Protein backbone atom coordinates (compact mmCIF):
# COMPACT_ATOMS: atom_id res chain seq x y z
CA MET A 1 33.58 1.69 17.61
CA ASN A 2 29.85 1.29 18.15
CA ARG A 3 28.95 0.45 21.75
CA ARG A 4 25.72 -1.31 22.65
CA ASN A 5 23.36 0.37 25.04
CA SER A 6 23.14 -2.19 27.84
CA GLN A 7 20.02 -0.53 29.26
CA PHE A 8 18.23 -0.94 25.93
CA ASP A 9 19.31 -4.58 25.73
CA ALA A 10 17.98 -5.21 29.25
CA TYR A 11 14.73 -3.45 28.27
CA VAL A 12 14.42 -5.70 25.19
CA LEU A 13 14.85 -8.80 27.31
CA GLU A 14 12.26 -7.57 29.83
CA ILE A 15 9.72 -6.91 27.08
CA HIS A 16 10.44 -10.32 25.60
CA LYS A 17 9.67 -11.95 28.96
CA VAL A 18 6.16 -10.43 29.05
CA LEU A 19 5.51 -10.37 25.31
CA ASP A 20 2.80 -13.02 25.47
CA GLN A 21 0.93 -10.95 28.05
CA LEU A 22 0.90 -7.71 26.05
CA ASP A 23 -2.08 -6.84 23.90
CA TYR A 24 -1.51 -5.07 20.60
CA TYR A 25 -2.54 -1.68 21.99
CA HIS A 26 -0.02 -1.82 24.83
CA LEU A 27 2.66 -3.18 22.54
CA LEU A 28 2.27 -0.25 20.15
CA GLY A 29 1.46 2.27 22.89
CA VAL A 30 -1.85 3.40 21.41
CA GLN A 31 -5.36 3.74 22.77
CA PRO A 32 -8.02 1.26 21.59
CA GLY A 33 -9.81 4.03 19.69
CA ALA A 34 -6.68 5.09 17.81
CA GLY A 35 -7.07 5.56 14.09
CA VAL A 36 -4.96 3.94 11.40
CA SER A 37 -2.68 6.97 11.05
CA ARG A 38 -1.90 6.96 14.80
CA VAL A 39 -1.28 3.20 14.74
CA ARG A 40 1.03 3.60 11.73
CA GLU A 41 2.91 6.45 13.41
CA ALA A 42 3.38 4.44 16.61
CA PHE A 43 4.45 1.34 14.69
CA LEU A 44 7.04 3.21 12.64
CA SER A 45 8.48 4.86 15.73
CA ILE A 46 8.77 1.62 17.69
CA ALA A 47 9.82 -0.52 14.73
CA ALA A 48 12.74 1.81 14.06
CA LYS A 49 14.13 1.04 17.53
CA PHE A 50 13.38 -2.69 17.61
CA HIS A 51 14.21 -3.67 14.05
CA PRO A 52 16.64 -6.60 14.11
CA ASP A 53 18.73 -5.11 11.29
CA ARG A 54 19.38 -1.99 13.37
CA ASN A 55 20.67 -4.17 16.19
CA ARG A 56 23.08 -6.50 14.42
CA ASP A 57 25.74 -5.93 17.02
CA ALA A 58 23.51 -7.24 19.84
CA SER A 59 24.14 -10.55 21.53
CA ASP A 60 22.43 -13.64 20.14
CA GLU A 61 19.96 -13.60 23.04
CA VAL A 62 19.00 -9.96 22.45
CA ARG A 63 18.78 -10.44 18.68
CA ALA A 64 16.47 -13.44 19.14
CA ALA A 65 14.28 -11.39 21.49
CA LEU A 66 14.25 -8.47 19.04
CA TYR A 67 13.19 -10.78 16.25
CA GLU A 68 10.22 -12.08 18.27
CA ILE A 69 9.23 -8.59 19.39
CA PHE A 70 9.46 -7.26 15.85
CA LYS A 71 7.29 -10.09 14.53
CA ARG A 72 4.67 -9.27 17.17
CA LEU A 73 4.87 -5.54 16.35
CA ASN A 74 4.15 -6.36 12.71
CA GLU A 75 1.28 -8.61 13.72
CA ALA A 76 -0.20 -5.84 15.89
CA TYR A 77 0.17 -3.30 13.10
CA ARG A 78 -1.53 -5.53 10.51
CA VAL A 79 -4.43 -6.30 12.82
CA LEU A 80 -5.03 -2.78 14.11
CA CYS A 81 -4.90 -1.26 10.63
CA ASP A 82 -7.50 -3.67 9.23
CA PRO A 83 -11.03 -2.73 10.42
CA GLN A 84 -12.35 -6.28 10.15
CA LYS A 85 -9.41 -7.88 11.93
CA LYS A 86 -9.48 -5.11 14.54
CA ALA A 87 -13.15 -5.78 15.30
CA VAL A 88 -12.50 -9.50 15.72
CA TYR A 89 -9.41 -8.75 17.81
CA ASP A 90 -11.28 -6.32 20.09
CA GLN A 91 -13.94 -8.96 20.70
CA GLY A 92 -11.29 -11.54 21.56
CA LEU A 93 -9.47 -9.03 23.77
CA ALA A 94 -12.70 -8.46 25.73
CA GLU A 95 -12.69 -12.21 26.32
CA GLY A 96 -9.08 -12.15 27.54
CA ARG A 97 -7.18 -13.10 24.36
CA VAL A 98 -4.26 -10.78 23.67
CA ARG A 99 -3.54 -12.11 20.16
CA LEU A 100 -5.74 -12.52 17.14
CA GLU A 101 -6.29 -16.18 16.46
CA GLN A 102 -5.84 -16.80 12.78
CA THR A 103 -8.28 -19.49 11.73
CA HIS A 104 -6.70 -19.76 8.31
CA ARG A 105 -3.76 -18.30 6.52
CA ALA A 106 -3.63 -17.58 2.87
CA ALA A 107 -1.06 -19.87 1.34
CA GLY A 108 1.00 -18.97 -1.65
CA PRO A 109 1.19 -15.78 -3.64
CA LYS A 110 -1.61 -13.21 -3.73
CA SER A 111 -1.82 -13.25 -7.51
CA PRO A 112 -0.62 -15.84 -10.03
CA GLU A 113 2.12 -13.58 -11.38
CA ASP A 114 3.64 -13.32 -7.88
CA ALA A 115 4.64 -16.97 -8.24
CA LEU A 116 6.99 -16.06 -11.09
CA LYS A 117 10.60 -15.56 -10.08
CA SER A 118 11.80 -13.54 -13.06
CA PRO A 119 10.72 -9.88 -13.32
CA GLN A 120 10.76 -10.22 -17.11
CA ALA A 121 8.53 -13.30 -16.90
CA ARG A 122 6.08 -11.36 -14.70
CA GLN A 123 6.00 -8.54 -17.24
CA PHE A 124 5.26 -10.89 -20.16
CA TYR A 125 2.77 -12.84 -18.05
CA ARG A 126 0.84 -9.63 -17.23
CA GLN A 127 0.83 -8.66 -20.89
CA ALA A 128 -0.35 -12.14 -21.93
CA ALA A 129 -3.18 -11.99 -19.38
CA SER A 130 -4.16 -8.55 -20.65
CA ASP A 131 -4.02 -9.73 -24.27
CA LEU A 132 -6.17 -12.74 -23.43
CA LYS A 133 -8.70 -10.59 -21.64
CA ARG A 134 -9.14 -8.33 -24.68
CA GLY A 135 -9.23 -11.27 -27.09
CA ALA A 136 -5.81 -10.74 -28.72
CA LEU A 137 -5.02 -14.46 -28.68
CA MET A 138 -1.95 -14.42 -30.94
CA GLN A 139 -0.31 -11.68 -28.85
CA ALA A 140 -1.27 -13.54 -25.67
CA GLU A 141 0.35 -16.71 -26.98
CA LEU A 142 3.54 -14.86 -27.92
CA ASN A 143 3.79 -13.10 -24.54
CA LEU A 144 3.13 -16.36 -22.72
CA LYS A 145 5.96 -18.04 -24.64
CA LEU A 146 8.25 -15.15 -23.71
CA ALA A 147 7.20 -15.46 -20.06
CA SER A 148 8.03 -19.18 -20.16
CA THR A 149 11.42 -18.47 -21.71
CA HIS A 150 12.35 -16.00 -18.96
CA GLU A 151 11.02 -18.16 -16.11
CA LYS A 152 13.33 -21.09 -17.03
CA SER A 153 11.55 -23.64 -14.79
CA PRO A 154 7.97 -24.89 -15.18
CA ASN A 155 5.42 -22.66 -13.48
CA ALA A 156 1.82 -23.43 -12.54
CA ALA A 157 0.65 -19.86 -13.18
CA ILE A 158 1.98 -19.92 -16.74
CA GLU A 159 0.43 -23.33 -17.35
CA ALA A 160 -2.94 -22.17 -16.00
CA LEU A 161 -2.90 -19.12 -18.26
CA ARG A 162 -1.84 -21.34 -21.18
CA ALA A 163 -4.90 -23.56 -20.48
CA LYS A 164 -7.17 -20.50 -20.49
CA LEU A 165 -5.60 -19.41 -23.77
CA GLU A 166 -6.24 -22.84 -25.29
CA ASP A 167 -9.86 -22.72 -24.11
CA ALA A 168 -10.27 -19.26 -25.65
CA LYS A 169 -8.79 -20.51 -28.94
CA LYS A 170 -11.23 -23.46 -28.95
CA GLN A 171 -14.15 -21.13 -28.24
CA LYS A 172 -13.10 -18.82 -31.03
CA GLY A 173 -12.81 -21.81 -33.40
CA LYS A 174 -16.40 -22.86 -32.58
CA ASN A 175 -17.77 -19.42 -33.46
């Protein structure tokens, strides 16, 4: 039988109470001048202890606190490992802000193929895009049809690539 460490649970709840007051450096336990490798090392060490999946047997209150702490740990890690975000964060920290204010968030997938659900559709989509880029229009059309078949539902990325393919076919017809 696995017994919870009540001291750890109390510690989690105490951290959760002051979470909004902790800057990223204190949260990860690193100095402001720490390099990416030190930040990564600290993050991995702390994340291993506070990961919600490692604490499934905790009470609902502790699990909710762990979830919030873990989200903030990830936020700190992403900011402190990105030189541009870190510079903006350090400036804000000097002005008393302990969190990086995100002015905008990228919505949606990073690349069009990430919007595809089927791994096979992604594979055929990548091949179709590659074929189109090198001017192999017939192969691109075939791979795009195969991507559509595997995706099952309509997909904007496939339709956008299909439009590019049609444009390329029209251009080739004009020449």
